Amino acid sequence: MSYAIMRMEKRNAGNIVGMFKHNERKNENYSNEDINIEEIS
């Protein structure tokens, strides 16, 4: 049996690009210097 978990939140149009980059791990620069980008990809 498979199922999906969904979460609904109100967001502004300006936040959508940032949320997409966060969820898809498309960020190139992170404020946390301990992140190893090779492990993310």
N, C-alpha and C. Protein backbone atom coordinates (compact mmCIF):
# COMPACT_ATOMS: atom_id res chain seq x y z
N MET A 1 0.84 -1.16 0.00
CA MET A 1 0.00 0.00 0.00
C MET A 1 0.89 1.24 0.00
N SER A 2 0.62 2.16 -0.89
CA SER A 2 1.38 3.41 -0.92
C SER A 2 0.44 4.57 -0.64
N TYR A 3 1.00 5.61 -0.10
CA TYR A 3 0.20 6.78 0.21
C TYR A 3 1.09 8.00 0.15
N ALA A 4 0.48 9.17 0.08
CA ALA A 4 1.21 10.43 0.03
C ALA A 4 0.86 11.26 1.25
N ILE A 5 1.81 12.03 1.69
CA ILE A 5 1.59 12.97 2.78
C ILE A 5 1.71 14.37 2.20
N MET A 6 0.69 15.16 2.42
CA MET A 6 0.69 16.52 1.87
C MET A 6 0.56 17.52 3.01
N ARG A 7 1.21 18.66 2.84
CA ARG A 7 1.11 19.75 3.80
C ARG A 7 0.74 21.00 3.03
N MET A 8 -0.29 21.67 3.47
CA MET A 8 -0.77 22.87 2.79
C MET A 8 -0.47 24.08 3.67
N GLU A 9 0.12 25.11 3.08
CA GLU A 9 0.40 26.36 3.78
C GLU A 9 0.13 27.52 2.85
N LYS A 10 -0.29 28.65 3.42
CA LYS A 10 -0.44 29.85 2.63
C LYS A 10 0.95 30.44 2.39
N ARG A 11 1.23 30.81 1.17
CA ARG A 11 2.52 31.41 0.83
C ARG A 11 2.31 32.59 -0.11
N ASN A 12 3.23 33.54 -0.06
CA ASN A 12 3.22 34.65 -1.00
C ASN A 12 3.90 34.24 -2.29
N ALA A 13 3.57 34.92 -3.38
CA ALA A 13 4.17 34.59 -4.67
C ALA A 13 5.68 34.77 -4.64
N GLY A 14 6.19 35.71 -3.85
CA GLY A 14 7.62 35.95 -3.77
C GLY A 14 8.38 34.82 -3.12
N ASN A 15 7.72 34.01 -2.32
CA ASN A 15 8.38 32.90 -1.63
C ASN A 15 8.50 31.64 -2.47
N ILE A 16 7.76 31.55 -3.55
CA ILE A 16 7.67 30.30 -4.30
C ILE A 16 9.02 29.88 -4.88
N VAL A 17 9.78 30.81 -5.44
CA VAL A 17 11.08 30.47 -6.03
C VAL A 17 12.03 29.94 -4.97
N GLY A 18 12.08 30.61 -3.83
CA GLY A 18 12.95 30.17 -2.74
C GLY A 18 12.54 28.81 -2.19
N MET A 19 11.24 28.58 -2.09
CA MET A 19 10.76 27.28 -1.61
C MET A 19 11.12 26.18 -2.60
N PHE A 20 10.98 26.45 -3.89
CA PHE A 20 11.32 25.45 -4.91
C PHE A 20 12.81 25.10 -4.82
N LYS A 21 13.66 26.13 -4.74
CA LYS A 21 15.10 25.88 -4.66
C LYS A 21 15.44 25.09 -3.40
N HIS A 22 14.77 25.38 -2.30
CA HIS A 22 15.02 24.65 -1.06
C HIS A 22 14.59 23.19 -1.18
N ASN A 23 13.38 22.98 -1.67
CA ASN A 23 12.84 21.61 -1.75
C ASN A 23 13.59 20.75 -2.75
N GLU A 24 14.03 21.34 -3.85
CA GLU A 24 14.73 20.58 -4.88
C GLU A 24 16.24 20.60 -4.66
N ARG A 25 16.69 21.25 -3.60
CA ARG A 25 18.12 21.36 -3.25
C ARG A 25 18.93 21.96 -4.40
N LYS A 26 18.43 23.08 -4.93
CA LYS A 26 19.07 23.76 -6.04
C LYS A 26 19.97 24.91 -5.58
N ASN A 27 20.03 25.19 -4.28
CA ASN A 27 20.85 26.29 -3.79
C ASN A 27 22.32 26.03 -4.11
N GLU A 28 23.02 27.10 -4.47
CA GLU A 28 24.45 26.99 -4.74
C GLU A 28 25.27 27.53 -3.57
N ASN A 29 24.71 28.46 -2.82
CA ASN A 29 25.40 29.04 -1.68
C ASN A 29 24.56 28.80 -0.43
N TYR A 30 25.18 28.30 0.61
CA TYR A 30 24.49 28.06 1.87
C TYR A 30 25.16 28.88 2.96
N SER A 31 24.38 29.36 3.92
CA SER A 31 24.95 30.11 5.03
C SER A 31 25.70 29.18 5.99
N ASN A 32 25.36 27.91 6.01
CA ASN A 32 26.05 26.93 6.84
C ASN A 32 27.25 26.40 6.06
N GLU A 33 28.44 26.70 6.53
CA GLU A 33 29.66 26.31 5.82
C GLU A 33 29.97 24.82 5.95
N ASP A 34 29.28 24.11 6.84
CA ASP A 34 29.54 22.68 7.04
C ASP A 34 28.82 21.79 6.04
N ILE A 35 28.03 22.36 5.14
CA ILE A 35 27.30 21.56 4.16
C ILE A 35 28.24 21.13 3.06
N ASN A 36 28.28 19.83 2.79
CA ASN A 36 29.10 19.27 1.72
C ASN A 36 28.20 19.11 0.50
N ILE A 37 28.37 19.96 -0.50
CA ILE A 37 27.49 19.99 -1.67
C ILE A 37 27.56 18.69 -2.46
N GLU A 38 28.70 18.01 -2.47
CA GLU A 38 28.82 16.74 -3.20
C GLU A 38 27.88 15.68 -2.62
N GLU A 39 27.62 15.72 -1.33
CA GLU A 39 26.74 14.74 -0.71
C GLU A 39 25.27 15.02 -1.01
N ILE A 40 24.94 16.24 -1.35
CA ILE A 40 23.55 16.62 -1.63
C ILE A 40 23.13 16.11 -3.00
N SER A 41 23.99 16.22 -3.98
CA SER A 41 23.63 15.88 -5.36
C SER A 41 23.47 14.41 -5.56
